Amino acid sequence: MAVCDITIVPSGGSISNVYTAVDKIIELIKKSGLKYEVGAMSTAVEGDPEVLFELAKACHKKALELGADDVLTTFRIHESRQYDDTIQGKTAKHKGS
């Protein structure tokens, strides 16, 4: 199990509203069936590392398909053989009640 963080910033071309494009990319993540959590600046997703790499690639391509001339994709992944790596495990102690 791994946790990744994906940020996609599409611009130019026929992208007139970045938020609308990002909403469509988040729909792609939702349809993946993986556990995810949307944050203010990125989306965390957990799953098999190979699946996460493919998802990030699909999100990048989706921005281009939506008409962006430029796409900035930031992808970070953490995989641990020592800990049960989940979104919940990484954030639970920091969330307020």
N, C-alpha and C. Protein backbone atom coordinates (compact mmCIF):
# COMPACT_ATOMS: atom_id res chain seq x y z
N MET A 1 0.85 -1.18 0.00
CA MET A 1 0.00 0.00 0.00
C MET A 1 0.89 1.24 0.00
N ALA A 2 0.44 2.25 -0.71
CA ALA A 2 1.16 3.51 -0.77
C ALA A 2 0.16 4.65 -0.75
N VAL A 3 0.65 5.83 -0.43
CA VAL A 3 -0.15 7.05 -0.47
C VAL A 3 0.55 8.03 -1.40
N CYS A 4 -0.23 8.63 -2.28
CA CYS A 4 0.35 9.64 -3.17
C CYS A 4 -0.42 10.94 -3.04
N ASP A 5 0.19 11.98 -3.54
CA ASP A 5 -0.38 13.32 -3.56
C ASP A 5 -0.28 13.80 -5.00
N ILE A 6 -1.42 14.17 -5.58
CA ILE A 6 -1.45 14.59 -6.98
C ILE A 6 -1.96 16.03 -7.06
N THR A 7 -1.22 16.88 -7.77
CA THR A 7 -1.66 18.23 -8.07
C THR A 7 -1.57 18.40 -9.59
N ILE A 8 -2.67 18.83 -10.21
CA ILE A 8 -2.70 19.09 -11.64
C ILE A 8 -3.10 20.55 -11.84
N VAL A 9 -2.30 21.30 -12.59
CA VAL A 9 -2.61 22.70 -12.89
C VAL A 9 -2.64 22.88 -14.40
N PRO A 10 -3.85 22.81 -14.99
CA PRO A 10 -3.97 23.02 -16.44
C PRO A 10 -4.09 24.51 -16.75
N SER A 11 -3.55 24.92 -17.88
CA SER A 11 -3.70 26.33 -18.27
C SER A 11 -3.61 26.47 -19.78
N GLY A 12 -4.07 27.62 -20.25
CA GLY A 12 -4.01 27.93 -21.67
C GLY A 12 -4.98 27.13 -22.50
N GLY A 13 -4.87 27.27 -23.79
CA GLY A 13 -5.74 26.56 -24.71
C GLY A 13 -7.19 26.93 -24.48
N SER A 14 -8.05 25.93 -24.48
CA SER A 14 -9.48 26.20 -24.28
C SER A 14 -9.89 26.10 -22.81
N ILE A 15 -8.92 26.06 -21.91
CA ILE A 15 -9.23 26.03 -20.47
C ILE A 15 -9.55 27.46 -20.03
N SER A 16 -10.83 27.74 -19.87
CA SER A 16 -11.23 29.08 -19.45
C SER A 16 -11.43 29.15 -17.93
N ASN A 17 -11.65 27.98 -17.30
CA ASN A 17 -11.85 27.95 -15.87
C ASN A 17 -11.08 26.75 -15.31
N VAL A 18 -10.00 27.04 -14.61
CA VAL A 18 -9.15 25.98 -14.06
C VAL A 18 -9.94 25.10 -13.10
N TYR A 19 -10.83 25.69 -12.31
CA TYR A 19 -11.58 24.92 -11.31
C TYR A 19 -12.50 23.90 -11.96
N THR A 20 -13.11 24.25 -13.07
CA THR A 20 -13.96 23.30 -13.79
C THR A 20 -13.13 22.13 -14.31
N ALA A 21 -11.95 22.42 -14.83
CA ALA A 21 -11.07 21.36 -15.33
C ALA A 21 -10.61 20.47 -14.18
N VAL A 22 -10.25 21.07 -13.06
CA VAL A 22 -9.80 20.28 -11.90
C VAL A 22 -10.94 19.41 -11.38
N ASP A 23 -12.17 19.93 -11.38
CA ASP A 23 -13.33 19.13 -10.97
C ASP A 23 -13.45 17.88 -11.83
N LYS A 24 -13.21 18.00 -13.12
CA LYS A 24 -13.30 16.84 -14.02
C LYS A 24 -12.16 15.85 -13.76
N ILE A 25 -11.02 16.35 -13.39
CA ILE A 25 -9.90 15.47 -13.06
C ILE A 25 -10.18 14.74 -11.75
N ILE A 26 -10.77 15.42 -10.78
CA ILE A 26 -11.14 14.77 -9.52
C ILE A 26 -12.19 13.70 -9.77
N GLU A 27 -13.09 13.91 -10.73
CA GLU A 27 -14.06 12.87 -11.10
C GLU A 27 -13.34 11.63 -11.61
N LEU A 28 -12.27 11.82 -12.36
CA LEU A 28 -11.47 10.69 -12.84
C LEU A 28 -10.88 9.92 -11.65
N ILE A 29 -10.39 10.63 -10.67
CA ILE A 29 -9.84 9.98 -9.46
C ILE A 29 -10.96 9.22 -8.75
N LYS A 30 -12.11 9.86 -8.62
CA LYS A 30 -13.26 9.22 -7.96
C LYS A 30 -13.64 7.91 -8.66
N LYS A 31 -13.66 7.94 -9.99
CA LYS A 31 -14.03 6.75 -10.77
C LYS A 31 -13.00 5.63 -10.68
N SER A 32 -11.80 5.94 -10.19
CA SER A 32 -10.76 4.91 -10.07
C SER A 32 -11.13 3.87 -9.01
N GLY A 33 -12.02 4.25 -8.09
CA GLY A 33 -12.41 3.34 -7.02
C GLY A 33 -11.44 3.32 -5.85
N LEU A 34 -10.36 4.08 -5.95
CA LEU A 34 -9.37 4.14 -4.88
C LEU A 34 -9.84 5.11 -3.79
N LYS A 35 -9.35 4.91 -2.59
CA LYS A 35 -9.66 5.83 -1.51
C LYS A 35 -8.89 7.12 -1.78
N TYR A 36 -9.59 8.26 -1.65
CA TYR A 36 -8.95 9.54 -1.91
C TYR A 36 -9.50 10.60 -0.97
N GLU A 37 -8.77 11.68 -0.84
CA GLU A 37 -9.19 12.80 -0.02
C GLU A 37 -8.74 14.08 -0.72
N VAL A 38 -9.72 14.92 -1.07
CA VAL A 38 -9.42 16.18 -1.74
C VAL A 38 -8.99 17.20 -0.70
N GLY A 39 -7.88 17.84 -0.95
CA GLY A 39 -7.38 18.90 -0.08
C GLY A 39 -7.49 20.24 -0.79
N ALA A 40 -7.07 21.28 -0.13
CA ALA A 40 -7.17 22.63 -0.69
C ALA A 40 -6.28 22.82 -1.92
N MET A 41 -5.15 22.10 -1.98
CA MET A 41 -4.19 22.32 -3.06
C MET A 41 -3.81 21.05 -3.81
N SER A 42 -4.29 19.89 -3.34
CA SER A 42 -3.95 18.63 -3.98
C SER A 42 -4.92 17.55 -3.52
N THR A 43 -4.78 16.38 -4.10
CA THR A 43 -5.62 15.24 -3.72
C THR A 43 -4.72 14.08 -3.32
N ALA A 44 -4.99 13.52 -2.13
CA ALA A 44 -4.26 12.34 -1.65
C ALA A 44 -5.04 11.10 -2.09
N VAL A 45 -4.31 10.09 -2.53
CA VAL A 45 -4.92 8.84 -2.98
C VAL A 45 -4.08 7.69 -2.42
N GLU A 46 -4.75 6.60 -2.01
CA GLU A 46 -4.00 5.45 -1.52
C GLU A 46 -4.30 4.23 -2.37
N GLY A 47 -3.29 3.38 -2.52
CA GLY A 47 -3.46 2.16 -3.29
C GLY A 47 -2.14 1.53 -3.66
N ASP A 48 -2.20 0.59 -4.56
CA ASP A 48 -1.01 -0.06 -5.08
C ASP A 48 -0.16 0.97 -5.82
N PRO A 49 1.15 1.01 -5.58
CA PRO A 49 2.00 2.01 -6.22
C PRO A 49 1.88 2.06 -7.75
N GLU A 50 1.85 0.92 -8.40
CA GLU A 50 1.75 0.92 -9.86
C GLU A 50 0.44 1.55 -10.34
N VAL A 51 -0.64 1.30 -9.61
CA VAL A 51 -1.94 1.88 -9.94
C VAL A 51 -1.90 3.39 -9.73
N LEU A 52 -1.24 3.84 -8.69
CA LEU A 52 -1.13 5.27 -8.42
C LEU A 52 -0.33 5.99 -9.50
N PHE A 53 0.75 5.37 -9.97
CA PHE A 53 1.53 5.96 -11.06
C PHE A 53 0.65 6.10 -12.32
N GLU A 54 -0.10 5.08 -12.62
CA GLU A 54 -0.98 5.12 -13.80
C GLU A 54 -2.08 6.16 -13.64
N LEU A 55 -2.61 6.30 -12.43
CA LEU A 55 -3.65 7.30 -12.18
C LEU A 55 -3.10 8.71 -12.39
N ALA A 56 -1.91 8.98 -11.87
CA ALA A 56 -1.30 10.30 -12.06
C ALA A 56 -1.11 10.60 -13.54
N LYS A 57 -0.67 9.61 -14.28
CA LYS A 57 -0.49 9.76 -15.73
C LYS A 57 -1.82 10.05 -16.41
N ALA A 58 -2.87 9.34 -16.00
CA ALA A 58 -4.20 9.54 -16.58
C ALA A 58 -4.74 10.94 -16.27
N CYS A 59 -4.47 11.43 -15.06
CA CYS A 59 -4.91 12.77 -14.68
C CYS A 59 -4.20 13.83 -15.52
N HIS A 60 -2.91 13.65 -15.73
CA HIS A 60 -2.14 14.57 -16.56
C HIS A 60 -2.70 14.60 -17.98
N LYS A 61 -2.94 13.42 -18.54
CA LYS A 61 -3.48 13.33 -19.90
C LYS A 61 -4.88 13.92 -19.99
N LYS A 62 -5.68 13.75 -18.93
CA LYS A 62 -7.04 14.29 -18.91
C LYS A 62 -7.01 15.81 -19.05
N ALA A 63 -6.07 16.46 -18.39
CA ALA A 63 -5.95 17.92 -18.50
C ALA A 63 -5.68 18.33 -19.95
N LEU A 64 -4.85 17.57 -20.64
CA LEU A 64 -4.58 17.86 -22.05
C LEU A 64 -5.82 17.62 -22.91
N GLU A 65 -6.53 16.53 -22.61
CA GLU A 65 -7.76 16.22 -23.34
C GLU A 65 -8.83 17.30 -23.15
N LEU A 66 -8.80 17.95 -22.00
CA LEU A 66 -9.77 19.01 -21.72
C LEU A 66 -9.42 20.31 -22.44
N GLY A 67 -8.28 20.33 -23.11
CA GLY A 67 -7.93 21.49 -23.93
C GLY A 67 -6.80 22.34 -23.42
N ALA A 68 -6.12 21.94 -22.36
CA ALA A 68 -5.00 22.74 -21.84
C ALA A 68 -3.83 22.73 -22.82
N ASP A 69 -3.20 23.88 -22.96
CA ASP A 69 -1.95 23.95 -23.72
C ASP A 69 -0.76 23.58 -22.83
N ASP A 70 -0.91 23.85 -21.54
CA ASP A 70 0.15 23.59 -20.57
C ASP A 70 -0.45 22.85 -19.38
N VAL A 71 0.30 21.89 -18.86
CA VAL A 71 -0.14 21.17 -17.66
C VAL A 71 1.07 20.99 -16.74
N LEU A 72 0.90 21.48 -15.51
CA LEU A 72 1.91 21.26 -14.49
C LEU A 72 1.38 20.19 -13.55
N THR A 73 2.08 19.05 -13.49
CA THR A 73 1.67 17.95 -12.63
C THR A 73 2.74 17.73 -11.57
N THR A 74 2.29 17.72 -10.32
CA THR A 74 3.17 17.39 -9.21
C THR A 74 2.65 16.10 -8.61
N PHE A 75 3.55 15.12 -8.48
CA PHE A 75 3.18 13.79 -7.98
C PHE A 75 4.21 13.37 -6.94
N ARG A 76 3.72 13.12 -5.73
CA ARG A 76 4.58 12.61 -4.67
C ARG A 76 3.99 11.30 -4.20
N ILE A 77 4.85 10.34 -3.90
CA ILE A 77 4.36 9.04 -3.44
C ILE A 77 5.21 8.56 -2.27
N HIS A 78 4.54 7.95 -1.31
CA HIS A 78 5.24 7.35 -0.18
C HIS A 78 4.78 5.90 -0.04
N GLU A 79 5.73 5.02 -0.04
CA GLU A 79 5.45 3.60 0.15
C GLU A 79 6.32 3.11 1.30
N SER A 80 5.70 2.42 2.24
CA SER A 80 6.44 1.93 3.40
C SER A 80 6.29 0.42 3.53
N ARG A 81 7.38 -0.24 3.75
CA ARG A 81 7.34 -1.68 4.04
C ARG A 81 7.28 -1.90 5.54
N GLN A 82 7.44 -0.83 6.29
CA GLN A 82 7.49 -0.92 7.74
C GLN A 82 6.13 -0.60 8.37
N TYR A 83 5.36 0.30 7.76
CA TYR A 83 4.10 0.76 8.35
C TYR A 83 2.94 0.50 7.40
N ASP A 84 1.75 0.41 7.97
CA ASP A 84 0.53 0.32 7.17
C ASP A 84 0.25 1.73 6.68
N ASP A 85 0.61 2.02 5.46
CA ASP A 85 0.58 3.37 4.92
C ASP A 85 -0.80 3.69 4.35
N THR A 86 -1.56 4.54 5.05
CA THR A 86 -2.88 4.96 4.59
C THR A 86 -3.04 6.46 4.82
N ILE A 87 -4.00 7.05 4.15
CA ILE A 87 -4.31 8.47 4.37
C ILE A 87 -4.70 8.68 5.82
N GLN A 88 -5.58 7.83 6.33
CA GLN A 88 -6.04 7.92 7.71
C GLN A 88 -4.87 7.84 8.69
N GLY A 89 -3.96 6.90 8.44
CA GLY A 89 -2.81 6.74 9.32
C GLY A 89 -1.91 7.95 9.34
N LYS A 90 -1.82 8.65 8.23
CA LYS A 90 -0.96 9.82 8.15
C LYS A 90 -1.59 11.07 8.74
N THR A 91 -2.93 11.14 8.78
CA THR A 91 -3.58 12.40 9.16
C THR A 91 -4.41 12.36 10.44
N ALA A 92 -4.76 11.20 10.93
CA ALA A 92 -5.71 11.08 12.06
C ALA A 92 -5.30 11.91 13.28
N LYS A 93 -4.06 11.86 13.68
CA LYS A 93 -3.67 12.55 14.91
C LYS A 93 -3.64 14.08 14.75
N HIS A 94 -3.74 14.55 13.51
CA HIS A 94 -3.67 16.00 13.27
C HIS A 94 -5.03 16.63 13.03
N LYS A 95 -6.07 15.83 12.93
CA LYS A 95 -7.41 16.35 12.67
C LYS A 95 -8.09 16.71 13.98
N GLY A 96 -8.75 17.85 13.96
CA GLY A 96 -9.49 18.28 15.14
C GLY A 96 -10.75 17.46 15.33
N SER A 97 -11.32 17.54 16.50
CA SER A 97 -12.53 16.75 16.78
C SER A 97 -13.80 17.51 16.46
